[in-house]
Amino acid sequence: EAVARAVPAGQFFFEDAQLDLARAQALAGKPTEAVATYERV
């Protein structure tokens, strides 16, 4: 989450940062948050 906040849309690492976050959210048992993050990508 800290990485995702620091990398806004349009920057080089944005996609990877969001996908890392979504993957961890899913693994942490937060499917709703994970879906929202994937949809943002």
Full PDB file with SEQRES, HELIX, SHEET, SSBOND, CRYST1, ORIGX, SCALE, CONECT and MASTER records, all heavy atoms in Angstrom:
SEQRES   1 A   41  GLU ALA VAL ALA ARG ALA VAL PRO ALA GLY GLN PHE PHE          
SEQRES   2 A   41  PHE GLU ASP ALA GLN LEU ASP LEU ALA ARG ALA GLN ALA          
SEQRES   3 A   41  LEU ALA GLY LYS PRO THR GLU ALA VAL ALA THR TYR GLU          
SEQRES   4 A   41  ARG VAL                                                      
HELIX    1 AA1 ALA A    2  ALA A    6  1                                   5    
HELIX    2 AA2 PHE A   14  LEU A   27  1                                  14    
HELIX    3 AA3 PRO A   31  ARG A   40  1                                  10    
CRYST1    1.000    1.000    1.000  90.00  90.00  90.00 P 1           1          
ORIGX1      1.000000  0.000000  0.000000        0.00000                         
ORIGX2      0.000000  1.000000  0.000000        0.00000                         
ORIGX3      0.000000  0.000000  1.000000        0.00000                         
SCALE1      1.000000  0.000000  0.000000        0.00000                         
SCALE2      0.000000  1.000000  0.000000        0.00000                         
SCALE3      0.000000  0.000000  1.000000        0.00000                         
ATOM      1  N   GLU A   1       0.827  -1.202   0.000  1.00  0.00           N  
ATOM      2  CA  GLU A   1       0.000   0.000   0.000  1.00  0.00           C  
ATOM      3  C   GLU A   1       0.863   1.254   0.000  1.00  0.00           C  
ATOM      4  O   GLU A   1       0.546   2.236  -0.682  1.00  0.00           O  
ATOM      5  CB  GLU A   1      -0.925   0.008   1.223  1.00  0.00           C  
ATOM      6  CG  GLU A   1      -2.127  -0.903   1.095  1.00  0.00           C  
ATOM      7  CD  GLU A   1      -2.979  -0.936   2.348  1.00  0.00           C  
ATOM      8  OE1 GLU A   1      -2.441  -0.595   3.431  1.00  0.00           O  
ATOM      9  OE2 GLU A   1      -4.159  -1.313   2.259  1.00  0.00           O  
ATOM     10  N   ALA A   2       1.954   1.216   0.754  1.00  0.00           N  
ATOM     11  CA  ALA A   2       2.864   2.367   0.800  1.00  0.00           C  
ATOM     12  C   ALA A   2       3.487   2.617  -0.571  1.00  0.00           C  
ATOM     13  O   ALA A   2       3.631   3.767  -1.009  1.00  0.00           O  
ATOM     14  CB  ALA A   2       3.953   2.133   1.846  1.00  0.00           C  
ATOM     15  N   VAL A   3       3.844   1.537  -1.262  1.00  0.00           N  
ATOM     16  CA  VAL A   3       4.420   1.680  -2.605  1.00  0.00           C  
ATOM     17  C   VAL A   3       3.370   2.231  -3.559  1.00  0.00           C  
ATOM     18  O   VAL A   3       3.634   3.156  -4.340  1.00  0.00           O  
ATOM     19  CB  VAL A   3       4.940   0.327  -3.121  1.00  0.00           C  
ATOM     20  CG1 VAL A   3       5.499   0.491  -4.539  1.00  0.00           C  
ATOM     21  CG2 VAL A   3       6.018  -0.226  -2.205  1.00  0.00           C  
ATOM     22  N   ALA A   4       2.167   1.673  -3.500  1.00  0.00           N  
ATOM     23  CA  ALA A   4       1.099   2.103  -4.419  1.00  0.00           C  
ATOM     24  C   ALA A   4       0.754   3.571  -4.230  1.00  0.00           C  
ATOM     25  O   ALA A   4       0.479   4.284  -5.205  1.00  0.00           O  
ATOM     26  CB  ALA A   4      -0.137   1.229  -4.203  1.00  0.00           C  
ATOM     27  N   ARG A   5       0.778   4.036  -2.985  1.00  0.00           N  
ATOM     28  CA  ARG A   5       0.495   5.456  -2.736  1.00  0.00           C  
ATOM     29  C   ARG A   5       1.577   6.355  -3.316  1.00  0.00           C  
ATOM     30  O   ARG A   5       1.302   7.488  -3.722  1.00  0.00           O  
ATOM     31  CB  ARG A   5       0.371   5.714  -1.228  1.00  0.00           C  
ATOM     32  CG  ARG A   5      -0.933   5.224  -0.606  1.00  0.00           C  
ATOM     33  CD  ARG A   5      -1.121   5.830   0.776  1.00  0.00           C  
ATOM     34  NE  ARG A   5      -0.034   5.476   1.681  1.00  0.00           N  
ATOM     35  CZ  ARG A   5      -0.038   4.397   2.456  1.00  0.00           C  
ATOM     36  NH1 ARG A   5      -1.076   3.564   2.437  1.00  0.00           N  
ATOM     37  NH2 ARG A   5       0.973   4.145   3.264  1.00  0.00           N  
ATOM     38  N   ALA A   6       2.790   5.853  -3.354  1.00  0.00           N  
ATOM     39  CA  ALA A   6       3.923   6.673  -3.799  1.00  0.00           C  
ATOM     40  C   ALA A   6       4.107   6.679  -5.314  1.00  0.00           C  
ATOM     41  O   ALA A   6       4.882   7.479  -5.843  1.00  0.00           O  
ATOM     42  CB  ALA A   6       5.212   6.186  -3.134  1.00  0.00           C  
ATOM     43  N   VAL A   7       3.398   5.775  -6.006  1.00  0.00           N  
ATOM     44  CA  VAL A   7       3.559   5.661  -7.463  1.00  0.00           C  
ATOM     45  C   VAL A   7       2.222   5.955  -8.125  1.00  0.00           C  
ATOM     46  O   VAL A   7       1.361   5.065  -8.238  1.00  0.00           O  
ATOM     47  CB  VAL A   7       4.056   4.265  -7.859  1.00  0.00           C  
ATOM     48  CG1 VAL A   7       4.298   4.206  -9.370  1.00  0.00           C  
ATOM     49  CG2 VAL A   7       5.331   3.907  -7.108  1.00  0.00           C  
ATOM     50  N   PRO A   8       1.994   7.164  -8.590  1.00  0.00           N  
ATOM     51  CA  PRO A   8       0.713   7.516  -9.217  1.00  0.00           C  
ATOM     52  C   PRO A   8       0.551   6.902 -10.603  1.00  0.00           C  
ATOM     53  O   PRO A   8       1.520   6.443 -11.216  1.00  0.00           O  
ATOM     54  CB  PRO A   8       0.780   9.047  -9.300  1.00  0.00           C  
ATOM     55  CG  PRO A   8       2.243   9.352  -9.357  1.00  0.00           C  
ATOM     56  CD  PRO A   8       2.905   8.324  -8.502  1.00  0.00           C  
ATOM     57  N   ALA A   9      -0.672   6.890 -11.074  1.00  0.00           N  
ATOM     58  CA  ALA A   9      -0.963   6.368 -12.412  1.00  0.00           C  
ATOM     59  C   ALA A   9      -0.142   7.111 -13.456  1.00  0.00           C  
ATOM     60  O   ALA A   9       0.054   8.323 -13.375  1.00  0.00           O  
ATOM     61  CB  ALA A   9      -2.452   6.513 -12.714  1.00  0.00           C  
ATOM     62  N   GLY A  10       0.357   6.361 -14.413  1.00  0.00           N  
ATOM     63  CA  GLY A  10       1.166   6.960 -15.463  1.00  0.00           C  
ATOM     64  C   GLY A  10       2.648   6.773 -15.257  1.00  0.00           C  
ATOM     65  O   GLY A  10       3.429   6.868 -16.206  1.00  0.00           O  
ATOM     66  N   GLN A  11       3.055   6.508 -14.019  1.00  0.00           N  
ATOM     67  CA  GLN A  11       4.474   6.286 -13.766  1.00  0.00           C  
ATOM     68  C   GLN A  11       4.838   4.836 -14.071  1.00  0.00           C  
ATOM     69  O   GLN A  11       3.987   3.944 -14.068  1.00  0.00           O  
ATOM     70  CB  GLN A  11       4.829   6.646 -12.320  1.00  0.00           C  
ATOM     71  CG  GLN A  11       4.839   8.141 -12.069  1.00  0.00           C  
ATOM     72  CD  GLN A  11       5.596   8.498 -10.805  1.00  0.00           C  
ATOM     73  OE1 GLN A  11       6.151   7.656 -10.118  1.00  0.00           O  
ATOM     74  NE2 GLN A  11       5.608   9.791 -10.490  1.00  0.00           N  
ATOM     75  N   PHE A  12       6.120   4.608 -14.276  1.00  0.00           N  
ATOM     76  CA  PHE A  12       6.614   3.326 -14.778  1.00  0.00           C  
ATOM     77  C   PHE A  12       6.205   2.144 -13.898  1.00  0.00           C  
ATOM     78  O   PHE A  12       5.800   1.098 -14.406  1.00  0.00           O  
ATOM     79  CB  PHE A  12       8.137   3.373 -14.912  1.00  0.00           C  
ATOM     80  CG  PHE A  12       8.739   2.118 -15.461  1.00  0.00           C  
ATOM     81  CD1 PHE A  12       8.613   1.808 -16.811  1.00  0.00           C  
ATOM     82  CD2 PHE A  12       9.405   1.224 -14.642  1.00  0.00           C  
ATOM     83  CE1 PHE A  12       9.158   0.642 -17.333  1.00  0.00           C  
ATOM     84  CE2 PHE A  12       9.953   0.059 -15.153  1.00  0.00           C  
ATOM     85  CZ  PHE A  12       9.830  -0.232 -16.490  1.00  0.00           C  
ATOM     86  N   PHE A  13       6.307   2.278 -12.582  1.00  0.00           N  
ATOM     87  CA  PHE A  13       6.061   1.151 -11.690  1.00  0.00           C  
ATOM     88  C   PHE A  13       4.605   1.051 -11.227  1.00  0.00           C  
ATOM     89  O   PHE A  13       4.293   0.222 -10.367  1.00  0.00           O  
ATOM     90  CB  PHE A  13       6.974   1.247 -10.458  1.00  0.00           C  
ATOM     91  CG  PHE A  13       8.425   0.959 -10.756  1.00  0.00           C  
ATOM     92  CD1 PHE A  13       9.345   1.987 -10.800  1.00  0.00           C  
ATOM     93  CD2 PHE A  13       8.850  -0.339 -10.998  1.00  0.00           C  
ATOM     94  CE1 PHE A  13      10.674   1.734 -11.076  1.00  0.00           C  
ATOM     95  CE2 PHE A  13      10.181  -0.607 -11.278  1.00  0.00           C  
ATOM     96  CZ  PHE A  13      11.101   0.428 -11.317  1.00  0.00           C  
ATOM     97  N   PHE A  14       3.729   1.885 -11.768  1.00  0.00           N  
ATOM     98  CA  PHE A  14       2.346   1.902 -11.285  1.00  0.00           C  
ATOM     99  C   PHE A  14       1.673   0.536 -11.403  1.00  0.00           C  
ATOM    100  O   PHE A  14       1.078   0.025 -10.442  1.00  0.00           O  
ATOM    101  CB  PHE A  14       1.528   2.944 -12.054  1.00  0.00           C  
ATOM    102  CG  PHE A  14       0.064   2.908 -11.744  1.00  0.00           C  
ATOM    103  CD1 PHE A  14      -0.426   3.494 -10.580  1.00  0.00           C  
ATOM    104  CD2 PHE A  14      -0.832   2.277 -12.602  1.00  0.00           C  
ATOM    105  CE1 PHE A  14      -1.784   3.443 -10.284  1.00  0.00           C  
ATOM    106  CE2 PHE A  14      -2.193   2.225 -12.301  1.00  0.00           C  
ATOM    107  CZ  PHE A  14      -2.662   2.809 -11.142  1.00  0.00           C  
ATOM    108  N   GLU A  15       1.738  -0.065 -12.578  1.00  0.00           N  
ATOM    109  CA  GLU A  15       1.047  -1.336 -12.796  1.00  0.00           C  
ATOM    110  C   GLU A  15       1.563  -2.419 -11.858  1.00  0.00           C  
ATOM    111  O   GLU A  15       0.784  -3.133 -11.211  1.00  0.00           O  
ATOM    112  CB  GLU A  15       1.189  -1.775 -14.248  1.00  0.00           C  
ATOM    113  CG  GLU A  15       0.420  -3.047 -14.576  1.00  0.00           C  
ATOM    114  CD  GLU A  15       0.482  -3.401 -16.055  1.00  0.00           C  
ATOM    115  OE1 GLU A  15       0.941  -2.556 -16.860  1.00  0.00           O  
ATOM    116  OE2 GLU A  15       0.077  -4.518 -16.405  1.00  0.00           O  
ATOM    117  N   ASP A  16       2.875  -2.552 -11.768  1.00  0.00           N  
ATOM    118  CA  ASP A  16       3.448  -3.575 -10.889  1.00  0.00           C  
ATOM    119  C   ASP A  16       3.076  -3.328  -9.433  1.00  0.00           C  
ATOM    120  O   ASP A  16       2.787  -4.272  -8.689  1.00  0.00           O  
ATOM    121  CB  ASP A  16       4.969  -3.605 -11.030  1.00  0.00           C  
ATOM    122  CG  ASP A  16       5.419  -4.231 -12.338  1.00  0.00           C  
ATOM    123  OD1 ASP A  16       4.638  -5.018 -12.920  1.00  0.00           O  
ATOM    124  OD2 ASP A  16       6.536  -3.948 -12.785  1.00  0.00           O  
ATOM    125  N   ALA A  17       3.091  -2.073  -9.018  1.00  0.00           N  
ATOM    126  CA  ALA A  17       2.751  -1.752  -7.632  1.00  0.00           C  
ATOM    127  C   ALA A  17       1.321  -2.140  -7.319  1.00  0.00           C  
ATOM    128  O   ALA A  17       1.024  -2.710  -6.252  1.00  0.00           O  
ATOM    129  CB  ALA A  17       2.973  -0.263  -7.370  1.00  0.00           C  
ATOM    130  N   GLN A  18       0.409  -1.867  -8.237  1.00  0.00           N  
ATOM    131  CA  GLN A  18      -0.992  -2.199  -8.033  1.00  0.00           C  
ATOM    132  C   GLN A  18      -1.216  -3.718  -8.049  1.00  0.00           C  
ATOM    133  O   GLN A  18      -1.987  -4.256  -7.242  1.00  0.00           O  
ATOM    134  CB  GLN A  18      -1.855  -1.526  -9.103  1.00  0.00           C  
ATOM    135  CG  GLN A  18      -1.869  -0.013  -9.051  1.00  0.00           C  
ATOM    136  CD  GLN A  18      -2.498   0.531  -7.781  1.00  0.00           C  
ATOM    137  OE1 GLN A  18      -3.456  -0.037  -7.257  1.00  0.00           O  
ATOM    138  NE2 GLN A  18      -1.964   1.636  -7.271  1.00  0.00           N  
ATOM    139  N   LEU A  19      -0.528  -4.405  -8.940  1.00  0.00           N  
ATOM    140  CA  LEU A  19      -0.695  -5.858  -9.021  1.00  0.00           C  
ATOM    141  C   LEU A  19      -0.122  -6.548  -7.788  1.00  0.00           C  
ATOM    142  O   LEU A  19      -0.684  -7.543  -7.298  1.00  0.00           O  
ATOM    143  CB  LEU A  19      -0.043  -6.392 -10.299  1.00  0.00           C  
ATOM    144  CG  LEU A  19      -0.721  -5.972 -11.608  1.00  0.00           C  
ATOM    145  CD1 LEU A  19       0.038  -6.531 -12.808  1.00  0.00           C  
ATOM    146  CD2 LEU A  19      -2.176  -6.435 -11.638  1.00  0.00           C  
ATOM    147  N   ASP A  20       0.995  -6.044  -7.290  1.00  0.00           N  
ATOM    148  CA  ASP A  20       1.548  -6.585  -6.039  1.00  0.00           C  
ATOM    149  C   ASP A  20       0.534  -6.427  -4.908  1.00  0.00           C  
ATOM    150  O   ASP A  20       0.300  -7.360  -4.126  1.00  0.00           O  
ATOM    151  CB  ASP A  20       2.841  -5.864  -5.666  1.00  0.00           C  
ATOM    152  CG  ASP A  20       4.020  -6.260  -6.536  1.00  0.00           C  
ATOM    153  OD1 ASP A  20       3.959  -7.317  -7.189  1.00  0.00           O  
ATOM    154  OD2 ASP A  20       5.004  -5.496  -6.564  1.00  0.00           O  
ATOM    155  N   LEU A  21      -0.047  -5.239  -4.823  1.00  0.00           N  
ATOM    156  CA  LEU A  21      -1.017  -4.966  -3.771  1.00  0.00           C  
ATOM    157  C   LEU A  21      -2.249  -5.861  -3.912  1.00  0.00           C  
ATOM    158  O   LEU A  21      -2.708  -6.456  -2.920  1.00  0.00           O  
ATOM    159  CB  LEU A  21      -1.439  -3.494  -3.817  1.00  0.00           C  
ATOM    160  CG  LEU A  21      -2.544  -3.066  -2.854  1.00  0.00           C  
ATOM    161  CD1 LEU A  21      -2.169  -3.378  -1.406  1.00  0.00           C  
ATOM    162  CD2 LEU A  21      -2.859  -1.580  -3.030  1.00  0.00           C  
ATOM    163  N   ALA A  22      -2.779  -5.984  -5.123  1.00  0.00           N  
ATOM    164  CA  ALA A  22      -3.965  -6.812  -5.335  1.00  0.00           C  
ATOM    165  C   ALA A  22      -3.698  -8.268  -4.970  1.00  0.00           C  
ATOM    166  O   ALA A  22      -4.532  -8.930  -4.335  1.00  0.00           O  
ATOM    167  CB  ALA A  22      -4.409  -6.707  -6.795  1.00  0.00           C  
ATOM    168  N   ARG A  23      -2.539  -8.767  -5.367  1.00  0.00           N  
ATOM    169  CA  ARG A  23      -2.189 -10.161  -5.057  1.00  0.00           C  
ATOM    170  C   ARG A  23      -2.140 -10.387  -3.537  1.00  0.00           C  
ATOM    171  O   ARG A  23      -2.690 -11.368  -3.016  1.00  0.00           O  
ATOM    172  CB  ARG A  23      -0.834 -10.497  -5.678  1.00  0.00           C  
ATOM    173  CG  ARG A  23      -0.405 -11.942  -5.473  1.00  0.00           C  
ATOM    174  CD  ARG A  23       0.959 -12.214  -6.081  1.00  0.00           C  
ATOM    175  NE  ARG A  23       2.019 -11.432  -5.426  1.00  0.00           N  
ATOM    176  CZ  ARG A  23       2.635 -10.397  -6.003  1.00  0.00           C  
ATOM    177  NH1 ARG A  23       2.311 -10.010  -7.223  1.00  0.00           N  
ATOM    178  NH2 ARG A  23       3.586  -9.745  -5.355  1.00  0.00           N  
ATOM    179  N   ALA A  24      -1.504  -9.458  -2.829  1.00  0.00           N  
ATOM    180  CA  ALA A  24      -1.404  -9.581  -1.375  1.00  0.00           C  
ATOM    181  C   ALA A  24      -2.768  -9.440  -0.711  1.00  0.00           C  
ATOM    182  O   ALA A  24      -3.065 -10.129   0.271  1.00  0.00           O  
ATOM    183  CB  ALA A  24      -0.429  -8.526  -0.833  1.00  0.00           C  
ATOM    184  N   GLN A  25      -3.596  -8.555  -1.227  1.00  0.00           N  
ATOM    185  CA  GLN A  25      -4.945  -8.400  -0.675  1.00  0.00           C  
ATOM    186  C   GLN A  25      -5.738  -9.694  -0.804  1.00  0.00           C  
ATOM    187  O   GLN A  25      -6.447 -10.106   0.124  1.00  0.00           O  
ATOM    188  CB  GLN A  25      -5.664  -7.244  -1.369  1.00  0.00           C  
ATOM    189  CG  GLN A  25      -5.141  -5.872  -0.991  1.00  0.00           C  
ATOM    190  CD  GLN A  25      -5.691  -4.763  -1.861  1.00  0.00           C  
ATOM    191  OE1 GLN A  25      -5.955  -4.964  -3.044  1.00  0.00           O  
ATOM    192  NE2 GLN A  25      -5.855  -3.575  -1.289  1.00  0.00           N  
ATOM    193  N   ALA A  26      -5.622 -10.338  -1.964  1.00  0.00           N  
ATOM    194  CA  ALA A  26      -6.322 -11.609  -2.168  1.00  0.00           C  
ATOM    195  C   ALA A  26      -5.798 -12.669  -1.204  1.00  0.00           C  
ATOM    196  O   ALA A  26      -6.584 -13.417  -0.591  1.00  0.00           O  
ATOM    197  CB  ALA A  26      -6.148 -12.065  -3.613  1.00  0.00           C  
ATOM    198  N   LEU A  27      -4.476 -12.736  -1.048  1.00  0.00           N  
ATOM    199  CA  LEU A  27      -3.876 -13.720  -0.145  1.00  0.00           C  
ATOM    200  C   LEU A  27      -4.223 -13.439   1.310  1.00  0.00           C  
ATOM    201  O   LEU A  27      -4.293 -14.360   2.135  1.00  0.00           O  
ATOM    202  CB  LEU A  27      -2.356 -13.727  -0.328  1.00  0.00           C  
ATOM    203  CG  LEU A  27      -1.849 -14.291  -1.663  1.00  0.00           C  
ATOM    204  CD1 LEU A  27      -0.365 -14.003  -1.832  1.00  0.00           C  
ATOM    205  CD2 LEU A  27      -2.112 -15.795  -1.734  1.00  0.00           C  
ATOM    206  N   ALA A  28      -4.440 -12.165   1.635  1.00  0.00           N  
ATOM    207  CA  ALA A  28      -4.784 -11.774   2.995  1.00  0.00           C  
ATOM    208  C   ALA A  28      -6.261 -11.950   3.306  1.00  0.00           C  
ATOM    209  O   ALA A  28      -6.718 -11.603   4.397  1.00  0.00           O  
ATOM    210  CB  ALA A  28      -4.377 -10.322   3.244  1.00  0.00           C  
ATOM    211  N   GLY A  29      -7.014 -12.492   2.345  1.00  0.00           N  
ATOM    212  CA  GLY A  29      -8.434 -12.712   2.567  1.00  0.00           C  
ATOM    213  C   GLY A  29      -9.273 -11.462   2.414  1.00  0.00           C  
ATOM    214  O   GLY A  29     -10.297 -11.301   3.085  1.00  0.00           O  
ATOM    215  N   LYS A  30      -8.839 -10.578   1.506  1.00  0.00           N  
ATOM    216  CA  LYS A  30      -9.579  -9.346   1.246  1.00  0.00           C  
ATOM    217  C   LYS A  30      -9.968  -9.287  -0.230  1.00  0.00           C  
ATOM    218  O   LYS A  30      -9.462  -8.466  -0.999  1.00  0.00           O  
ATOM    219  CB  LYS A  30      -8.731  -8.126   1.611  1.00  0.00           C  
ATOM    220  CG  LYS A  30      -8.355  -8.064   3.087  1.00  0.00           C  
ATOM    221  CD  LYS A  30      -7.532  -6.821   3.391  1.00  0.00           C  
ATOM    222  CE  LYS A  30      -7.225  -6.708   4.874  1.00  0.00           C  
ATOM    223  NZ  LYS A  30      -6.463  -5.479   5.208  1.00  0.00           N  
ATOM    224  N   PRO A  31     -10.869 -10.165  -0.666  1.00  0.00           N  
ATOM    225  CA  PRO A  31     -11.202 -10.247  -2.095  1.00  0.00           C  
ATOM    226  C   PRO A  31     -11.832  -8.979  -2.661  1.00  0.00           C  
ATOM    227  O   PRO A  31     -11.566  -8.617  -3.815  1.00  0.00           O  
ATOM    228  CB  PRO A  31     -12.176 -11.429  -2.161  1.00  0.00           C  
ATOM    229  CG  PRO A  31     -12.756 -11.526  -0.779  1.00  0.00           C  
ATOM    230  CD  PRO A  31     -11.646 -11.133   0.135  1.00  0.00           C  
ATOM    231  N   THR A  32     -12.658  -8.311  -1.852  1.00  0.00           N  
ATOM    232  CA  THR A  32     -13.299  -7.089  -2.358  1.00  0.00           C  
ATOM    233  C   THR A  32     -12.263  -6.019  -2.671  1.00  0.00           C  
ATOM    234  O   THR A  32     -12.310  -5.374  -3.737  1.00  0.00           O  
ATOM    235  CB  THR A  32     -14.303  -6.549  -1.316  1.00  0.00           C  
ATOM    236  OG1 THR A  32     -15.278  -7.554  -1.031  1.00  0.00           O  
ATOM    237  CG2 THR A  32     -14.988  -5.293  -1.842  1.00  0.00           C  
ATOM    238  N   GLU A  33     -11.301  -5.844  -1.756  1.00  0.00           N  
ATOM    239  CA  GLU A  33     -10.239  -4.864  -1.975  1.00  0.00           C  
ATOM    240  C   GLU A  33      -9.361  -5.275  -3.157  1.00  0.00           C  
ATOM    241  O   GLU A  33      -8.939  -4.430  -3.956  1.00  0.00           O  
ATOM    242  CB  GLU A  33      -9.382  -4.718  -0.720  1.00  0.00           C  
ATOM    243  CG  GLU A  33     -10.078  -4.041   0.445  1.00  0.00           C  
ATOM    244  CD  GLU A  33     -10.840  -5.032   1.329  1.00  0.00           C  
ATOM    245  OE1 GLU A  33     -11.178  -6.143   0.836  1.00  0.00           O  
ATOM    246  OE2 GLU A  33     -11.102  -4.684   2.493  1.00  0.00           O  
ATOM    247  N   ALA A  34      -9.102  -6.574  -3.275  1.00  0.00           N  
ATOM    248  CA  ALA A  34      -8.268  -7.062  -4.377  1.00  0.00           C  
ATOM    249  C   ALA A  34      -8.939  -6.792  -5.720  1.00  0.00           C  
ATOM    250  O   ALA A  34      -8.292  -6.335  -6.674  1.00  0.00           O  
ATOM    251  CB  ALA A  34      -7.987  -8.549  -4.206  1.00  0.00           C  
ATOM    252  N   VAL A  35     -10.229  -7.067  -5.809  1.00  0.00           N  
ATOM    253  CA  VAL A  35     -10.962  -6.819  -7.055  1.00  0.00           C  
ATOM    254  C   VAL A  35     -10.917  -5.336  -7.415  1.00  0.00           C  
ATOM    255  O   VAL A  35     -10.692  -4.966  -8.579  1.00  0.00           O  
ATOM    256  CB  VAL A  35     -12.429  -7.293  -6.927  1.00  0.00           C  
ATOM    257  CG1 VAL A  35     -13.268  -6.761  -8.092  1.00  0.00           C  
ATOM    258  CG2 VAL A  35     -12.492  -8.808  -6.892  1.00  0.00           C  
ATOM    259  N   ALA A  36     -11.103  -4.471  -6.418  1.00  0.00           N  
ATOM    260  CA  ALA A  36     -11.076  -3.029  -6.677  1.00  0.00           C  
ATOM    261  C   ALA A  36      -9.707  -2.590  -7.196  1.00  0.00           C  
ATOM    262  O   ALA A  36      -9.606  -1.746  -8.094  1.00  0.00           O  
ATOM    263  CB  ALA A  36     -11.423  -2.268  -5.403  1.00  0.00           C  
ATOM    264  N   THR A  37      -8.640  -3.185  -6.640  1.00  0.00           N  
ATOM    265  CA  THR A  37      -7.288  -2.829  -7.084  1.00  0.00           C  
ATOM    266  C   THR A  37      -7.040  -3.323  -8.503  1.00  0.00           C  
ATOM    267  O   THR A  37      -6.472  -2.600  -9.341  1.00  0.00           O  
ATOM    268  CB  THR A  37      -6.240  -3.416  -6.122  1.00  0.00           C  
ATOM    269  OG1 THR A  37      -6.510  -2.953  -4.789  1.00  0.00           O  
ATOM    270  CG2 THR A  37      -4.841  -2.964  -6.517  1.00  0.00           C  
ATOM    271  N   TYR A  38      -7.466  -4.555  -8.797  1.00  0.00           N  
ATOM    272  CA  TYR A  38      -7.313  -5.082 -10.157  1.00  0.00           C  
ATOM    273  C   TYR A  38      -8.097  -4.220 -11.155  1.00  0.00           C  
ATOM    274  O   TYR A  38      -7.608  -3.922 -12.257  1.00  0.00           O  
ATOM    275  CB  TYR A  38      -7.807  -6.528 -10.229  1.00  0.00           C  
ATOM    276  CG  TYR A  38      -6.824  -7.553  -9.715  1.00  0.00           C  
ATOM    277  CD1 TYR A  38      -7.223  -8.524  -8.792  1.00  0.00           C  
ATOM    278  CD2 TYR A  38      -5.510  -7.580 -10.175  1.00  0.00           C  
ATOM    279  CE1 TYR A  38      -6.332  -9.483  -8.324  1.00  0.00           C  
ATOM    280  CE2 TYR A  38      -4.607  -8.531  -9.719  1.00  0.00           C  
ATOM    281  CZ  TYR A  38      -5.029  -9.476  -8.788  1.00  0.00           C  
ATOM    282  OH  TYR A  38      -4.137 -10.419  -8.338  1.00  0.00           O  
ATOM    283  N   GLU A  39      -9.298  -3.830 -10.778  1.00  0.00           N  
ATOM    284  CA  GLU A  39     -10.114  -3.010 -11.677  1.00  0.00           C  
ATOM    285  C   GLU A  39      -9.483  -1.636 -11.904  1.00  0.00           C  
ATOM    286  O   GLU A  39      -9.626  -1.058 -12.997  1.00  0.00           O  
ATOM    287  CB  GLU A  39     -11.520  -2.867 -11.102  1.00  0.00           C  
ATOM    288  CG  GLU A  39     -12.332  -4.157 -11.192  1.00  0.00           C  
ATOM    289  CD  GLU A  39     -13.713  -4.036 -10.566  1.00  0.00           C  
ATOM    290  OE1 GLU A  39     -13.911  -3.105  -9.757  1.00  0.00           O  
ATOM    291  OE2 GLU A  39     -14.581  -4.875 -10.893  1.00  0.00           O  
ATOM    292  N   ARG A  40      -8.763  -1.145 -10.909  1.00  0.00           N  
ATOM    293  CA  ARG A  40      -8.086   0.138 -11.096  1.00  0.00           C  
ATOM    294  C   ARG A  40      -6.994   0.013 -12.158  1.00  0.00           C  
ATOM    295  O   ARG A  40      -6.783   0.936 -12.956  1.00  0.00           O  
ATOM    296  CB  ARG A  40      -7.470   0.620  -9.780  1.00  0.00           C  
ATOM    297  CG  ARG A  40      -6.830   1.995  -9.929  1.00  0.00           C  
ATOM    298  CD  ARG A  40      -6.159   2.485  -8.670  1.00  0.00           C  
ATOM    299  NE  ARG A  40      -5.579   3.798  -8.930  1.00  0.00           N  
ATOM    300  CZ  ARG A  40      -4.760   4.423  -8.096  1.00  0.00           C  
ATOM    301  NH1 ARG A  40      -4.436   3.882  -6.935  1.00  0.00           N  
ATOM    302  NH2 ARG A  40      -4.272   5.607  -8.419  1.00  0.00           N  
ATOM    303  N   VAL A  41      -6.313  -1.123 -12.169  1.00  0.00           N  
ATOM    304  CA  VAL A  41      -5.276  -1.338 -13.193  1.00  0.00           C  
ATOM    305  C   VAL A  41      -5.912  -1.321 -14.579  1.00  0.00           C  
ATOM    306  O   VAL A  41      -5.401  -0.668 -15.508  1.00  0.00           O  
ATOM    307  CB  VAL A  41      -4.532  -2.666 -12.955  1.00  0.00           C  
ATOM    308  CG1 VAL A  41      -3.522  -2.917 -14.082  1.00  0.00           C  
ATOM    309  CG2 VAL A  41      -3.815  -2.649 -11.610  1.00  0.00           C  
TER     310      VAL A  41                                                      
MASTER        0    0    0    3    0    0    0    6  309    1    0    4          
END                                                                             
